[in-house]
Amino acid sequence: MHGGPASARTPGVRPEAQWLANRGYLCVQVNYRGSTGYGKSFVAAGDREWGGKMHDDLIDAVAYVADQGWADPARVAIYGGSYGGYAALVGAAFTPEVFCCAVDIVGPSNLKTLLETIPPYWAQ
C-alpha cells in the first residue's frame, strides 16, 4: 500500500510489487479513500477514517480478489509503508481473520504520539 494517505498508486512499475509477483504473489495496490487523484471529496472521505472506512476499503479489496478466485482468502498478507504500515498494523490487530501476515515499514503505531511529534512548522 502507499503511504500518505494523501498520495496514490499510479500506473507504472513498482519494484516491490514486481519482486513479489515474480515469486508468485498477487499484489493488489489499493487506492483507498483519502488517496489523491480522485477529487477533493474522495480525499476528504478519508478524514478521521484511519482504521475505519479506509480499512473497510482494504477489506473490500480482499473480498473482491477472493471472490474472483485470484487469491486464497486464508493466505492474505498486508504490507505497506508510512500510512500503509499503519494500515498493516490495523489489519493485524483488528482483522486477523482476514490477514495472516502483516508487514509494517515505518508506519506509526501510536497516533497520539505521532500527532504530538509533528513539528510546528507543518501547521503553516
Protein backbone atom coordinates (compact mmCIF):
# COMPACT_ATOMS: atom_id res chain seq x y z
CA MET A 1 0.00 0.00 0.00
CA HIS A 2 1.07 3.53 -0.50
CA GLY A 3 1.94 5.96 2.23
CA GLY A 4 0.19 9.19 2.77
CA PRO A 5 -2.72 8.75 2.96
CA ALA A 6 -2.67 11.83 0.75
CA SER A 7 -0.91 10.08 -2.11
CA ALA A 8 -1.90 7.40 -4.61
CA ARG A 9 -0.65 4.48 -6.64
CA THR A 10 -0.47 5.47 -10.27
CA PRO A 11 0.14 3.22 -13.26
CA GLY A 12 3.72 2.12 -13.58
CA VAL A 13 6.21 -0.47 -12.45
CA ARG A 14 6.63 -0.83 -8.70
CA PRO A 15 9.84 -2.72 -7.90
CA GLU A 16 8.48 -4.25 -4.68
CA ALA A 17 5.30 -5.46 -6.39
CA GLN A 18 7.34 -6.84 -9.30
CA TRP A 19 9.63 -8.68 -6.89
CA LEU A 20 6.68 -10.24 -5.04
CA ALA A 21 4.82 -11.09 -8.27
CA ASN A 22 7.97 -12.74 -9.62
CA ARG A 23 7.79 -15.06 -6.63
CA GLY A 24 4.15 -15.95 -7.25
CA TYR A 25 2.33 -13.46 -5.05
CA LEU A 26 -0.71 -11.49 -6.19
CA CYS A 27 -0.15 -7.81 -5.41
CA VAL A 28 -3.19 -5.59 -5.05
CA GLN A 29 -2.39 -1.93 -4.52
CA VAL A 30 -5.49 -0.22 -3.21
CA ASN A 31 -6.20 3.48 -3.58
CA TYR A 32 -8.44 3.65 -0.53
CA ARG A 33 -10.48 6.73 0.34
CA GLY A 34 -8.13 9.54 1.26
CA SER A 35 -5.89 8.79 -1.74
CA THR A 36 -5.19 11.65 -4.11
CA GLY A 37 -6.03 11.80 -7.78
CA TYR A 38 -9.77 11.13 -7.48
CA GLY A 39 -11.03 14.56 -6.47
CA LYS A 40 -11.40 16.55 -3.26
CA SER A 41 -14.40 14.61 -1.98
CA PHE A 42 -12.50 11.30 -2.25
CA VAL A 43 -9.55 12.77 -0.33
CA ALA A 44 -11.91 14.25 2.27
CA ALA A 45 -13.66 10.89 2.65
CA GLY A 46 -10.50 9.68 4.38
CA ASP A 47 -10.57 12.39 7.05
CA ARG A 48 -10.67 10.79 10.52
CA GLU A 49 -11.08 7.36 8.92
CA TRP A 50 -7.68 5.83 9.68
CA GLY A 51 -8.54 2.35 10.91
CA GLY A 52 -12.18 2.98 9.97
CA LYS A 53 -13.63 3.31 6.48
CA MET A 54 -10.16 3.38 4.94
CA HIS A 55 -9.61 -0.07 6.45
CA ASP A 56 -13.01 -1.16 5.14
CA ASP A 57 -11.74 -0.31 1.64
CA LEU A 58 -8.87 -2.75 2.14
CA ILE A 59 -11.21 -5.47 3.41
CA ASP A 60 -13.43 -4.88 0.37
CA ALA A 61 -10.40 -5.30 -1.92
CA VAL A 62 -9.52 -8.60 -0.25
CA ALA A 63 -13.10 -9.82 -0.62
CA TYR A 64 -13.10 -8.82 -4.30
CA VAL A 65 -9.91 -10.67 -5.24
CA ALA A 66 -11.01 -13.71 -3.22
CA ASP A 67 -14.47 -13.71 -4.87
CA GLN A 68 -12.79 -13.57 -8.29
CA GLY A 69 -10.76 -16.65 -7.37
CA TRP A 70 -7.49 -14.74 -7.70
CA ALA A 71 -6.48 -15.10 -4.04
CA ASP A 72 -6.85 -17.72 -1.34
CA PRO A 73 -8.62 -15.88 1.49
CA ALA A 74 -6.73 -17.98 4.05
CA ARG A 75 -3.38 -16.73 2.72
CA VAL A 76 -3.71 -12.94 2.52
CA ALA A 77 -0.98 -10.66 3.84
CA ILE A 78 -0.97 -6.89 4.21
CA TYR A 79 2.13 -4.81 3.59
CA GLY A 80 2.85 -1.11 3.46
CA GLY A 81 4.98 1.83 4.41
CA SER A 82 4.13 5.03 6.23
CA TYR A 83 0.30 5.13 6.35
CA GLY A 84 0.38 1.73 4.63
CA GLY A 85 2.43 0.44 7.55
CA TYR A 86 -0.16 1.79 9.95
CA ALA A 87 -2.84 0.05 7.87
CA ALA A 88 -0.86 -3.20 8.10
CA LEU A 89 -0.81 -2.90 11.91
CA VAL A 90 -4.55 -2.18 11.92
CA GLY A 91 -5.11 -5.23 9.71
CA ALA A 92 -3.14 -7.46 12.09
CA ALA A 93 -4.78 -6.05 15.22
CA PHE A 94 -8.40 -5.57 14.16
CA THR A 95 -8.95 -8.15 11.41
CA PRO A 96 -6.53 -11.05 11.99
CA GLU A 97 -9.15 -13.36 10.45
CA VAL A 98 -8.53 -11.56 7.13
CA PHE A 99 -4.76 -11.09 7.21
CA CYS A 100 -2.49 -14.00 8.17
CA CYS A 101 0.61 -11.80 7.97
CA ALA A 102 1.33 -8.09 8.27
CA VAL A 103 4.46 -6.11 7.39
CA ASP A 104 4.81 -2.54 8.64
CA ILE A 105 7.52 -0.38 7.07
CA VAL A 106 7.95 2.84 9.12
CA GLY A 107 4.24 3.09 9.91
CA PRO A 108 3.15 4.91 13.05
CA SER A 109 1.97 2.55 15.76
CA ASN A 110 0.62 5.26 18.08
CA LEU A 111 -1.40 8.10 16.56
CA LYS A 112 -1.31 10.15 19.77
CA THR A 113 2.48 10.11 19.74
CA LEU A 114 2.54 10.84 16.02
CA LEU A 115 0.37 13.93 16.43
CA GLU A 116 2.37 15.14 19.44
CA THR A 117 5.63 14.97 17.50
CA ILE A 118 4.56 16.85 14.37
CA PRO A 119 6.90 19.82 14.01
CA PRO A 120 5.23 23.22 14.49
CA TYR A 121 6.26 24.42 11.02
CA TRP A 122 4.00 21.76 9.43
CA ALA A 123 0.96 23.65 10.73
CA GLN A 124 1.63 26.58 8.42
